[in-house]
Protein backbone atom coordinates (compact mmCIF):
# COMPACT_ATOMS: atom_id res chain seq x y z
CA ALA A 1 61.19 81.95 -323.04
CA LEU A 2 61.67 81.66 -326.80
CA ILE A 3 58.07 80.37 -327.23
CA VAL A 4 56.65 83.23 -325.15
CA TRP A 5 58.72 85.72 -327.14
CA ALA A 6 57.59 84.24 -330.46
CA VAL A 7 53.90 84.22 -329.51
CA ALA A 8 54.07 87.74 -328.12
CA GLY A 9 55.77 88.88 -331.31
CA LEU A 10 53.04 87.26 -333.41
CA PHE A 11 50.21 89.03 -331.64
CA SER A 12 52.09 92.30 -331.42
CA SER A 13 52.23 92.50 -335.20
CA PRO A 14 49.29 94.26 -336.91
CA LYS A 15 48.34 91.05 -338.71
CA GLY A 16 48.43 89.03 -335.48
CA GLN A 17 46.36 91.65 -333.66
CA VAL A 18 43.66 91.59 -336.33
CA GLU A 19 43.60 87.78 -336.35
CA GLN A 20 43.28 87.73 -332.56
CA ALA A 21 40.43 90.28 -332.70
CA PHE A 22 38.50 88.22 -335.26
CA ALA A 23 39.07 85.04 -333.21
CA LYS A 24 37.83 86.77 -330.03
CA THR A 25 34.81 88.10 -331.91
CA ALA A 26 33.90 84.67 -333.30
CA ALA A 27 34.27 83.11 -329.86
CA ALA A 28 31.98 85.73 -328.30
CA TYR A 29 29.16 85.03 -330.75
CA ALA A 30 29.68 81.25 -330.49
CA ALA A 31 29.32 81.46 -326.70
CA ALA A 32 26.32 83.83 -326.76
CA GLY A 33 23.76 81.03 -326.43
CA ASN A 34 25.58 78.94 -323.85
CA GLY A 35 23.29 80.10 -321.06
CA LEU A 36 20.24 78.72 -322.87
CA ASP A 37 21.38 75.08 -322.44
CA LEU A 38 20.31 74.16 -325.96
CA PRO A 39 20.93 70.54 -327.06
CA ASP A 40 23.46 69.55 -329.70
CA LEU A 41 20.98 68.35 -332.32
CA GLY A 42 23.74 67.73 -334.86
CA LYS A 43 25.32 65.22 -332.52
CA LEU A 44 21.93 63.57 -332.00
CA ILE A 45 21.39 63.15 -335.75
CA GLN A 46 24.90 61.76 -336.18
CA SER A 47 24.10 59.10 -333.56
CA ARG A 48 21.59 57.63 -336.06
CA SER A 49 19.22 56.77 -333.24
CA TYR A 50 16.50 59.36 -332.82
CA SER A 51 12.75 60.01 -332.92
CA GLN A 52 10.83 62.86 -334.54
CA ARG A 53 7.21 63.93 -334.14
CA LEU A 54 5.33 66.64 -336.03
CA SER A 55 1.65 67.55 -335.80
CA TYR A 56 -0.55 70.47 -336.66
CA ALA A 57 -4.26 71.21 -336.63
CA LEU A 58 -6.44 74.09 -337.77
CA ASN A 59 -7.66 76.53 -335.12
CA GLY A 60 -9.75 78.73 -337.33
CA VAL A 61 -10.20 80.53 -340.67
CA ASP A 62 -11.62 84.01 -341.07
CA PRO A 63 -14.75 83.84 -343.27
CA ARG A 64 -13.52 86.80 -345.31
CA LEU A 65 -10.64 84.64 -346.54
CA MET A 66 -13.16 82.18 -348.03
CA GLY A 67 -15.65 84.59 -349.54
CA GLY A 68 -17.77 84.86 -346.41
CA GLU A 69 -18.22 81.11 -345.85
CA ASP A 70 -18.12 79.98 -342.22
CA LEU A 71 -15.52 77.22 -341.87
CA SER A 72 -15.58 76.91 -338.10
CA TYR A 73 -16.52 73.24 -338.45
CA LEU A 74 -13.01 72.56 -339.79
CA LYS A 75 -11.47 73.31 -336.40
CA GLY A 76 -9.20 70.45 -335.32
CA LEU A 77 -8.50 69.14 -338.84
CA GLY A 78 -4.83 68.33 -339.19
CA LEU A 79 -2.00 65.86 -339.71
CA ARG A 80 0.28 63.88 -337.40
CA ILE A 81 3.61 62.42 -338.54
CA GLY A 82 6.12 60.42 -336.52
CA ALA A 83 9.30 58.48 -337.20
CA ASP A 84 11.72 56.37 -335.14
CA TYR A 85 15.15 55.47 -336.50
CA ASP A 86 17.46 52.93 -334.84
CA GLN A 87 20.47 52.10 -337.01
CA LYS A 88 22.02 49.72 -334.47
CA GLY A 89 18.75 47.84 -333.97
CA ARG A 90 18.17 47.87 -337.76
CA LYS A 91 14.68 49.32 -337.50
CA LEU A 92 12.94 52.35 -338.92
CA GLY A 93 9.28 53.01 -338.26
CA SER A 94 7.03 55.84 -339.42
CA GLU A 95 3.37 56.69 -339.07
CA ALA A 96 1.15 59.37 -340.61
CA ALA A 97 -2.44 60.09 -339.60
CA LEU A 98 -5.18 62.45 -340.72
CA VAL A 99 -6.84 63.75 -337.56
CA TRP A 100 -9.92 65.71 -336.65
CA SER A 101 -10.59 67.02 -333.15
CA GLY A 102 -8.35 64.41 -331.56
CA GLN A 103 -9.72 61.47 -333.60
CA ASP A 104 -7.69 59.55 -336.17
CA LEU A 105 -9.60 59.50 -339.44
CA ALA A 106 -7.01 57.48 -341.39
CA THR A 107 -3.62 56.10 -340.37
CA PHE A 108 -0.78 54.73 -342.49
CA GLN A 109 2.20 52.85 -341.06
CA LEU A 110 5.56 51.89 -342.56
CA LEU A 111 8.19 49.71 -340.89
CA VAL A 112 11.64 48.69 -342.13
CA ASP A 113 12.74 45.75 -339.99
CA GLY A 114 16.09 44.47 -341.23
CA GLN A 115 15.44 43.50 -344.84
CA ARG A 116 11.63 43.56 -344.51
CA LEU A 117 9.68 46.56 -345.74
CA LEU A 118 6.18 46.44 -344.21
CA PHE A 119 3.07 48.55 -344.77
CA ALA A 120 -0.13 48.57 -342.72
CA SER A 121 -3.19 50.68 -341.99
CA PRO A 122 -5.61 50.04 -339.11
CA GLU A 123 -8.46 51.23 -341.33
CA PHE A 124 -7.56 49.56 -344.65
CA THR A 125 -5.58 46.43 -343.72
CA LYS A 126 -7.08 45.94 -340.23
CA GLY A 127 -3.69 45.68 -338.53
CA THR A 128 -2.22 43.08 -340.88
CA ALA A 129 1.06 44.26 -342.40
CA TYR A 130 2.02 43.39 -345.96
CA GLY A 131 5.62 43.54 -347.04
CA LEU A 132 8.47 42.86 -349.40
CA ASN A 133 12.04 41.72 -348.88
CA THR A 134 14.22 44.65 -349.95
CA LYS A 135 17.14 42.30 -350.68
CA THR A 136 15.12 40.52 -353.39
CA LEU A 137 13.00 43.53 -354.34
CA GLY A 138 13.54 43.28 -358.11
CA GLU A 139 12.68 39.60 -358.32
CA ASP A 140 9.62 40.04 -356.10
CA LEU A 141 8.22 42.95 -358.09
CA ILE A 142 8.70 41.07 -361.35
CA GLN A 143 6.92 38.06 -359.83
CA LEU A 144 4.05 40.31 -358.74
CA GLY A 145 3.80 41.77 -362.25
CA VAL A 146 4.73 45.29 -361.15
CA TRP A 147 7.95 45.33 -363.22
CA ASP A 148 8.62 43.89 -366.66
CA ASP A 149 11.39 41.27 -366.47
CA GLY A 150 12.60 42.57 -369.83
CA LEU A 151 13.95 45.65 -368.09
CA GLY A 152 16.77 43.66 -366.51
CA LEU A 153 15.97 44.77 -362.97
CA GLU A 154 15.85 41.33 -361.40
CA LYS A 155 19.16 42.00 -359.62
CA ILE A 156 17.85 45.09 -357.85
CA GLY A 157 17.86 44.70 -354.07
CA PHE A 158 19.31 46.34 -351.00
CA ASP A 159 19.57 46.38 -347.24
CA LEU A 160 18.59 49.90 -346.15
CA PHE A 161 20.81 49.86 -343.07
CA GLU A 162 23.81 48.65 -345.06
CA LEU A 163 23.20 51.55 -347.46
CA MET A 164 23.18 53.91 -344.48
CA GLU A 165 26.56 52.56 -343.36
CA LEU A 166 27.91 52.87 -346.90
CA ALA A 167 26.72 56.48 -347.13
CA VAL A 168 28.55 57.30 -343.88
CA SER A 169 31.76 55.56 -344.93
CA SER A 170 31.60 57.28 -348.32
CA GLY A 171 31.71 60.61 -346.50
CA GLU A 172 35.48 60.30 -346.05
CA GLY A 173 35.84 62.59 -349.04
CA THR A 174 34.05 65.26 -347.01
CA ASP A 175 36.81 65.12 -344.38
CA GLU A 176 39.43 65.50 -347.12
CA ALA A 177 37.51 68.44 -348.55
CA ARG A 178 37.32 70.06 -345.12
CA ALA A 179 41.08 69.63 -344.62
CA ALA A 180 41.72 71.07 -348.08
CA MET A 181 39.64 74.15 -347.22
CA VAL A 182 41.54 74.66 -343.96
CA GLU A 183 44.80 74.65 -345.90
CA ALA A 184 43.35 77.00 -348.54
CA TYR A 185 42.24 79.41 -345.80
CA ARG A 186 45.75 79.32 -344.27
CA GLN A 187 47.27 80.23 -347.63
CA LEU A 188 44.74 83.02 -348.10
CA PHE A 189 45.50 84.44 -344.66
CA ASP A 190 49.25 84.26 -345.32
CA ALA A 191 48.72 86.47 -348.36
CA VAL A 192 46.72 89.13 -346.45
CA GLN A 193 48.54 92.40 -345.82
CA VAL A 194 47.77 94.43 -342.68
CA ASP A 195 48.99 97.94 -341.78
CA LYS A 196 48.09 99.64 -338.53
CA GLY A 197 46.80 103.20 -338.61
CA GLY A 198 46.20 105.44 -335.65
CA ARG A 199 43.43 105.66 -333.08
CA GLN A 200 40.14 106.82 -334.55
CA SER A 201 36.63 107.49 -333.35
CA VAL A 202 33.94 105.40 -335.07
CA GLU A 203 30.18 105.26 -334.58
CA VAL A 204 28.99 101.72 -333.91
CA ASN A 205 25.25 101.09 -333.50
CA GLY A 206 24.58 104.48 -331.94
CA ALA A 207 27.67 104.56 -329.71
CA ARG A 208 30.89 106.48 -330.31
CA LEU A 209 33.96 104.26 -329.77
CA ASP A 210 37.71 104.93 -329.80
CA ALA A 211 39.28 102.17 -331.85
CA ASP A 212 42.50 101.10 -333.51
CA LEU A 213 42.26 101.32 -337.29
CA TYR A 214 43.83 98.62 -339.46
CA ARG A 215 44.06 98.70 -343.26
CA VAL A 216 43.60 95.12 -344.46
CA VAL A 217 44.32 94.19 -348.08
CA VAL A 218 43.39 90.80 -349.54
CA PRO A 219 45.22 90.43 -352.89
CA GLN A 220 43.12 89.57 -355.91
CA GLN A 221 45.30 86.60 -356.87
CA ALA A 222 45.01 85.13 -353.37
CA MET A 223 41.21 85.24 -353.64
CA MET A 224 41.33 83.62 -357.07
CA ASP A 225 43.53 80.83 -355.66
CA TYR A 226 41.09 80.37 -352.77
CA ILE A 227 38.12 80.02 -355.15
CA ALA A 228 40.06 77.45 -357.18
CA ALA A 229 40.84 75.51 -353.99
CA TRP A 230 37.17 75.65 -353.00
CA GLU A 231 36.16 74.24 -356.40
CA ASP A 232 38.73 71.44 -356.01
CA SER A 233 37.39 70.61 -352.54
CA ILE A 234 33.89 70.21 -353.99
CA ALA A 235 35.28 67.52 -356.29
CA LEU A 236 36.68 65.67 -353.24
CA ALA A 237 33.23 65.67 -351.63
CA ASP A 238 31.33 64.97 -354.85
CA ALA A 239 27.86 63.81 -353.82
CA GLN A 240 27.24 62.34 -357.27
CA GLU A 241 29.96 59.73 -356.73
CA ILE A 242 28.41 58.78 -353.38
CA TYR A 243 25.02 58.32 -355.04
CA ARG A 244 26.65 56.22 -357.74
CA GLU A 245 28.18 53.91 -355.12
CA LEU A 246 24.76 53.54 -353.49
CA LEU A 247 23.09 52.66 -356.80
CA LEU A 248 25.77 50.07 -357.55
CA ALA A 249 25.26 48.59 -354.07
CA MET A 250 21.52 48.33 -354.84
CA GLY A 251 22.26 46.14 -357.89
CA PHE A 252 22.16 48.69 -360.71
CA GLY A 253 24.77 48.21 -363.41
CA PRO A 254 27.33 50.98 -364.06
CA ALA A 255 25.56 52.10 -367.24
CA ASP A 256 22.15 52.24 -365.53
CA ALA A 257 23.61 54.14 -362.57
CA ASP A 258 25.24 56.67 -364.87
CA ALA A 259 21.98 57.08 -366.79
CA LEU A 260 20.01 57.73 -363.59
CA LEU A 261 22.55 60.33 -362.46
CA SER A 262 22.97 61.96 -365.86
CA GLY A 263 20.75 64.89 -364.91
CA MET A 264 22.56 65.47 -361.64
CA ASP A 265 25.62 67.60 -362.40
CA THR A 266 26.77 68.93 -359.04
CA ALA A 267 30.28 69.60 -360.36
CA GLY A 268 28.84 71.71 -363.17
CA LEU A 269 26.66 73.69 -360.75
CA TYR A 270 29.54 74.49 -358.42
CA GLY A 271 31.75 75.21 -361.40
CA GLN A 272 29.27 77.88 -362.53
CA MET A 273 29.27 79.34 -359.02
CA ALA A 274 33.08 79.44 -359.03
CA ASP A 275 33.06 81.19 -362.42
CA THR A 276 30.62 83.81 -361.08
CA MET A 277 32.80 84.42 -358.01
CA GLU A 278 35.92 84.70 -360.15
CA GLU A 279 34.23 87.28 -362.39
CA GLY A 280 33.32 89.28 -359.28
CA VAL A 281 36.89 89.13 -357.96
CA ARG A 282 38.29 90.24 -361.33
CA ALA A 283 35.98 93.25 -361.28
CA LEU A 284 36.77 93.97 -357.62
CA GLY A 285 40.56 93.76 -357.73
CA ASP A 286 42.34 93.74 -354.39
CA LEU A 287 39.90 93.77 -351.47
CA GLU A 288 40.74 96.74 -349.24
CA LEU A 289 39.05 96.86 -345.83
CA ASP A 290 39.12 99.27 -342.90
CA VAL A 291 38.92 97.19 -339.71
CA TYR A 292 38.29 98.91 -336.37
CA VAL A 293 39.28 97.07 -333.18
CA SER A 294 38.10 98.20 -329.73
CA GLY A 295 38.52 96.32 -326.46
CA GLY A 296 40.12 93.44 -328.33
CA TYR A 297 36.99 92.89 -330.47
CA VAL A 298 36.23 93.81 -334.06
CA SER A 299 33.85 96.76 -333.84
CA ALA A 300 33.50 97.71 -337.50
CA VAL A 301 34.52 96.56 -340.98
CA GLU A 302 34.05 99.03 -343.81
CA TRP A 303 34.58 98.70 -347.55
CA SER A 304 33.99 101.18 -350.33
CA GLU A 305 34.36 100.74 -354.04
CA ARG A 306 37.40 102.70 -355.15
CA THR A 307 36.34 102.94 -358.78
CA GLY A 308 33.14 102.69 -360.73
CA SER A 309 29.83 104.48 -360.66
CA PRO A 310 27.55 104.47 -358.81
CA ARG A 311 29.85 104.16 -355.80
CA MET A 312 29.06 101.32 -353.41
CA THR A 313 29.84 101.12 -349.69
CA VAL A 314 29.39 98.30 -347.18
CA GLY A 315 29.69 98.55 -343.41
CA LEU A 316 29.44 95.83 -340.75
CA TYR A 317 29.13 97.11 -337.15
CA LEU A 318 29.44 94.87 -334.10
CA GLY A 319 28.82 95.83 -330.48
CA GLY A 320 28.30 99.36 -329.23
CA GLY A 321 25.99 98.49 -326.34
CA GLU A 322 26.67 97.25 -322.81
CA ASN A 323 27.12 93.66 -324.00
CA TYR A 324 29.18 93.17 -327.15
CA VAL A 325 27.01 90.49 -328.81
CA ASP A 326 23.73 92.35 -328.26
CA ASP A 327 24.04 94.80 -331.16
CA LEU A 328 25.04 94.35 -334.79
CA SER A 329 24.13 95.97 -338.07
CA LEU A 330 24.90 95.86 -341.77
CA GLU A 331 24.62 98.82 -344.15
CA ILE A 332 24.88 98.58 -347.93
CA ALA A 333 24.58 101.76 -349.99
CA ALA A 334 24.61 102.04 -353.77
CA GLY A 335 22.98 104.28 -356.35
CA GLY A 336 21.20 106.45 -353.80
CA GLN A 337 19.60 103.41 -352.12
CA LYS A 338 20.57 102.05 -348.71
CA LEU A 339 19.77 98.67 -347.20
CA ILE A 340 20.06 98.60 -343.40
CA VAL A 341 19.86 95.44 -341.30
CA GLN A 342 19.88 95.99 -337.53
CA SER A 343 19.77 93.35 -334.82
CA THR A 344 19.36 94.26 -331.15
CA GLY A 345 18.33 92.43 -328.01
CA ASP A 346 19.63 90.38 -325.11
CA HIS A 347 21.54 87.89 -327.25
CA ALA A 348 23.59 86.56 -324.32
CA ALA A 349 20.41 86.10 -322.21
CA LYS A 350 22.03 87.99 -319.31
CA SER A 351 18.56 88.64 -317.90
CA GLY A 352 17.58 84.99 -318.26
CA VAL A 353 15.54 85.81 -321.37
CA PHE A 354 16.86 85.69 -324.94
CA THR A 355 15.41 88.49 -327.05
CA ASP A 356 16.12 89.74 -330.55
CA GLU A 357 14.62 92.23 -332.97
CA THR A 358 16.08 92.22 -336.47
CA VAL A 359 14.88 95.06 -338.69
CA PHE A 360 15.32 95.33 -342.47
CA ARG A 361 15.00 98.80 -344.01
CA LEU A 362 15.17 99.67 -347.70
CA GLY A 363 13.98 103.21 -348.28
CA PRO A 364 10.52 103.60 -346.77
CA GLN A 365 9.95 99.84 -346.62
CA ARG A 366 10.44 98.07 -343.30
CA ALA A 367 10.28 94.44 -342.21
CA ALA A 368 11.19 92.97 -338.84
CA PHE A 369 11.72 89.66 -337.04
CA GLN A 370 11.07 89.55 -333.29
CA LEU A 371 12.03 86.62 -331.06
CA ARG A 372 11.66 86.06 -327.31
CA TYR A 373 12.63 82.91 -325.41
CA GLU A 374 12.49 82.54 -321.62
CA PRO A 375 13.83 79.05 -320.78
CA LYS A 376 12.61 78.94 -317.17
CA ALA A 377 9.04 80.11 -317.82
CA ASP A 378 6.34 77.46 -317.35
CA ARG A 379 3.99 78.77 -320.04
CA ASP A 380 4.27 80.53 -323.41
CA ASN A 381 8.04 80.97 -323.09
CA PHE A 382 8.59 81.24 -326.85
CA GLN A 383 7.29 83.96 -329.19
CA TRP A 384 8.31 84.76 -332.77
CA GLU A 385 6.86 87.24 -335.26
CA PHE A 386 7.65 88.55 -338.71
CA LYS A 387 6.06 91.85 -339.78
CA VAL A 388 6.07 93.69 -343.09
CA ASP A 389 5.36 97.35 -342.30
CA ASN A 390 1.86 97.35 -340.80
CA THR A 391 0.29 95.34 -343.61
CA ALA A 392 0.97 91.67 -342.86
CA SER A 393 2.54 89.42 -340.25
CA VAL A 394 3.22 85.81 -339.36
CA SER A 395 3.45 84.98 -335.65
CA LEU A 396 3.70 81.99 -333.37
CA GLU A 397 3.77 81.46 -329.64
CA GLY A 398 3.96 78.49 -327.34
CA GLN A 399 6.27 76.47 -325.10
CA LEU A 400 9.81 75.45 -326.00
CA THR A 401 11.26 72.74 -323.76
CA THR A 402 14.81 71.42 -324.06
CA THR A 403 17.00 68.84 -322.36
CA LYS A 404 20.63 67.92 -322.98
CA ASP A 405 19.60 65.81 -325.99
CA SER A 406 16.04 66.73 -326.99
CA ILE A 407 13.87 69.63 -328.06
CA GLN A 408 10.09 69.98 -327.94
CA LEU A 409 8.07 72.89 -329.29
CA GLU A 410 4.33 73.16 -328.63
CA LEU A 411 2.68 76.07 -330.42
CA ASP A 412 -0.75 77.16 -329.25
CA ASP A 413 -1.11 79.67 -332.03
CA LEU A 414 0.57 79.97 -335.43
CA SER A 415 -1.28 82.67 -337.30
CA VAL A 416 -1.21 84.83 -340.41
CA LYS A 417 -2.59 88.38 -340.18
CA ALA A 418 -3.30 91.11 -342.70
CA ALA A 419 -4.24 94.66 -341.72
CA GLY A 420 -4.58 93.49 -338.13
CA VAL A 421 -7.08 90.72 -339.01
CA LYS A 422 -6.17 87.11 -338.15
CA LEU A 423 -6.88 85.26 -341.39
CA ILE A 424 -5.88 81.73 -340.41
CA SER A 425 -4.54 80.06 -337.28
CA PHE A 426 -3.01 76.67 -336.45
CA GLN A 427 -1.74 74.80 -333.46
CA ALA A 428 1.41 72.74 -333.97
CA ALA A 429 3.96 70.60 -332.14
CA TYR A 430 7.43 69.25 -332.91
CA TYR A 431 9.74 66.89 -331.02
CA LEU A 432 13.25 65.59 -331.72
CA GLY A 433 15.08 63.37 -329.28
CA PRO A 434 16.81 60.03 -328.72
CA CYS A 435 15.09 56.92 -330.04
CA ARG A 436 13.67 54.89 -327.16
CA GLY A 437 12.69 52.06 -329.48
CA VAL A 438 10.61 51.62 -332.63
CA GLU A 439 7.00 51.55 -331.48
CA LEU A 440 5.35 49.89 -334.49
CA SER A 441 4.46 46.19 -334.23
CA PHE A 442 1.87 44.19 -336.13
CA PRO A 443 -0.21 41.19 -335.01
CA ASP A 444 0.13 39.55 -338.42
CA VAL A 445 2.69 39.93 -341.25
CA ARG A 446 2.28 38.58 -344.77
CA MET A 447 4.99 38.83 -347.43
CA LEU A 448 3.53 39.65 -350.84
CA ALA A 449 6.02 37.48 -352.73
CA GLU A 450 4.68 34.41 -350.86
CA LEU A 451 1.08 35.02 -351.98
CA ASP A 452 -0.31 33.30 -355.06
CA GLU A 453 -2.65 34.95 -357.54
CA GLU A 454 -5.77 33.91 -355.62
CA ASP A 455 -4.37 35.34 -352.38
CA LEU A 456 -3.58 38.63 -354.08
CA MET A 457 -7.12 38.88 -355.49
CA GLU A 458 -8.51 38.19 -352.02
CA LEU A 459 -6.26 40.89 -350.58
CA ALA A 460 -7.56 43.41 -353.15
CA TYR A 461 -11.18 42.56 -352.25
CA ASP A 462 -10.45 42.85 -348.52
CA ILE A 463 -8.89 46.29 -348.93
CA GLN A 464 -11.88 47.42 -351.01
CA ALA A 465 -14.32 46.14 -348.38
CA ASN A 466 -12.33 47.77 -345.58
CA ALA A 467 -12.32 51.06 -347.49
CA GLU A 468 -16.12 50.93 -347.80
CA ASP A 469 -16.44 50.26 -344.06
CA TRP A 470 -14.05 53.11 -343.36
CA GLY A 471 -16.14 55.45 -345.46
CA CYS A 472 -19.27 54.58 -343.51
CA ASP A 473 -17.45 55.03 -340.19
CA LEU A 474 -16.10 58.36 -341.37
CA LEU A 475 -19.60 59.66 -342.03
CA ASP A 476 -20.50 58.88 -338.42
CA LYS A 477 -17.47 60.87 -337.18
CA LEU A 478 -17.95 63.96 -339.36
CA PRO A 479 -19.72 66.97 -337.84
CA GLN A 480 -23.19 67.71 -339.15
CA GLU A 481 -21.94 71.00 -340.61
CA VAL A 482 -19.67 69.03 -342.94
CA LEU A 483 -22.41 66.64 -344.02
CA ASP A 484 -24.65 69.61 -344.83
CA GLN A 485 -22.09 70.76 -347.41
CA PHE A 486 -22.75 67.72 -349.57
CA GLN A 487 -25.82 66.69 -351.53
CA TRP A 488 -26.53 63.05 -350.64
C-alpha cells in the first residue's frame, strides 16, 4: 500500500506528470516502426560475423549533361564490392570488381586468414595469392626493401583479430561514460522546476487540442553542471587512448605512438564544443518552457526569448491527427524569418504502408523528402525522393527486403533530375546480413618474405605480362562505340 501511495504521489505531482508524458511520448515514437519488422542491424554488427555487398551501374546519361555527346555506350559500367567478416573463424575477405554489362573487367581480392594477409587478382596474378605475415610485418617489409631498417620498425607486427578483441575490451570506458551521463541526467532532472497551469487550447499541426499547461524551468547552473559532466564523460571514453593501446599492441613504441596521434586531439575538440555550449547557456539564462500535455502525451513545447532583439521563438508540435506519431512539426522564428519543418504520413504503418513527407520551408523556399515503404509488396515497394522547389530532385525506387537479421535493397533507378529532365541514372544494390562463411579461396599461395630476389623479379615480369594480356582481352570486351573514341 505504501509503494502504491508513493508511486501515485510521484505521478500526481506536476513534475511526475510531465516526466510520465515525455516517457509515453518517447515510447510511442520508439514503437512506431514495430509493424515493419525491421532487423536489428546494430546487434548484427556487434556479433562481428556479417557480410556486406554493394554494387551500382550506370543506366544512362543525358547528352545535354556532357555537351551533347551521346554516352549511351557507357550503360552497365559500374563497381561491385563485397566483404565477409568472421571474427570467431579469424577470417576477413573482400573483393572489388569493375564491371560492364554484367562482365567483370578487373577484379581485386583481399583475404586476412589468421595472421596471413593475402592479395590476388584473377586478371593480374592468375589466381595465385601473394601475402605477408602480419605478425612479422615490419621484418618482412624491411627484408623486401620496402622499409628502411634505420627507421626502427622491425618490431611492427599484429594479429588483426587480436586487435579487434582489444578494441572491444577497450570500450569499457564507453560503458563508464554512459553510466556517468545517466547520473548527470538524473541530477539535471532533479533540478528542474515544474508548475502546473490551467487547461488551455493549443493548435497542434492544424488541430485544436485542449491540453494541460505546465511551466518547466531548467536552471542555468544545472545546465552548466550537465555540460561539465558531459565533457568529463568524453574523457572516460577517450578514443585517442584506445588508438594508443592499439598502436602499442602493434609494436610501436610509446614515443612513436604519441607522435602518430599528436594531430588527433579529440579532447580538445569536445572541449571547444563544451565551451560553445556553455557560452550559449550563459547568454540564455534559465531555460523556461511551456509544455502542453494532452491525452497523456506531450503535444507541444514552446520557448520564447524573454530578452534580446530580435525576439526568437521555437515551437515543437507533436500529434494532432488521428494517430499521434503521424504528425510533427518544428517552427523557429527570428528577425522576421521563419523556418518550418513539417512531417506527416502513416508513420505507424497502420495501413500496412509506411509513408512520410517532410517539408522544409524558409520564406518562399521549399524542399521536401518523400518516403514510401510497403513491406508486403512484391515489386517496387520502396520509393524515396528529395525535391528542391521545382528545380531539382534526387529520387530512387526499388525493392526493400528484410528478415529478422538481414536487409537487402535493390534499386532499379537512382536518378538526378533538373527542371524535369533526368540527367543521370543508376541501378544499385546493397545487402547486409549474417556471415555464412568467407567465400575467398586461392589455388596457390606464396608468401613474399619466402621469395628470393630472383623470384621477386620473376613475379614482377609475370604481373606485367598478365597486365598486357588483360589489356588485349579488354579491347575484345569493349563496345565498338568505346573503341571509336580513341585514335589507335
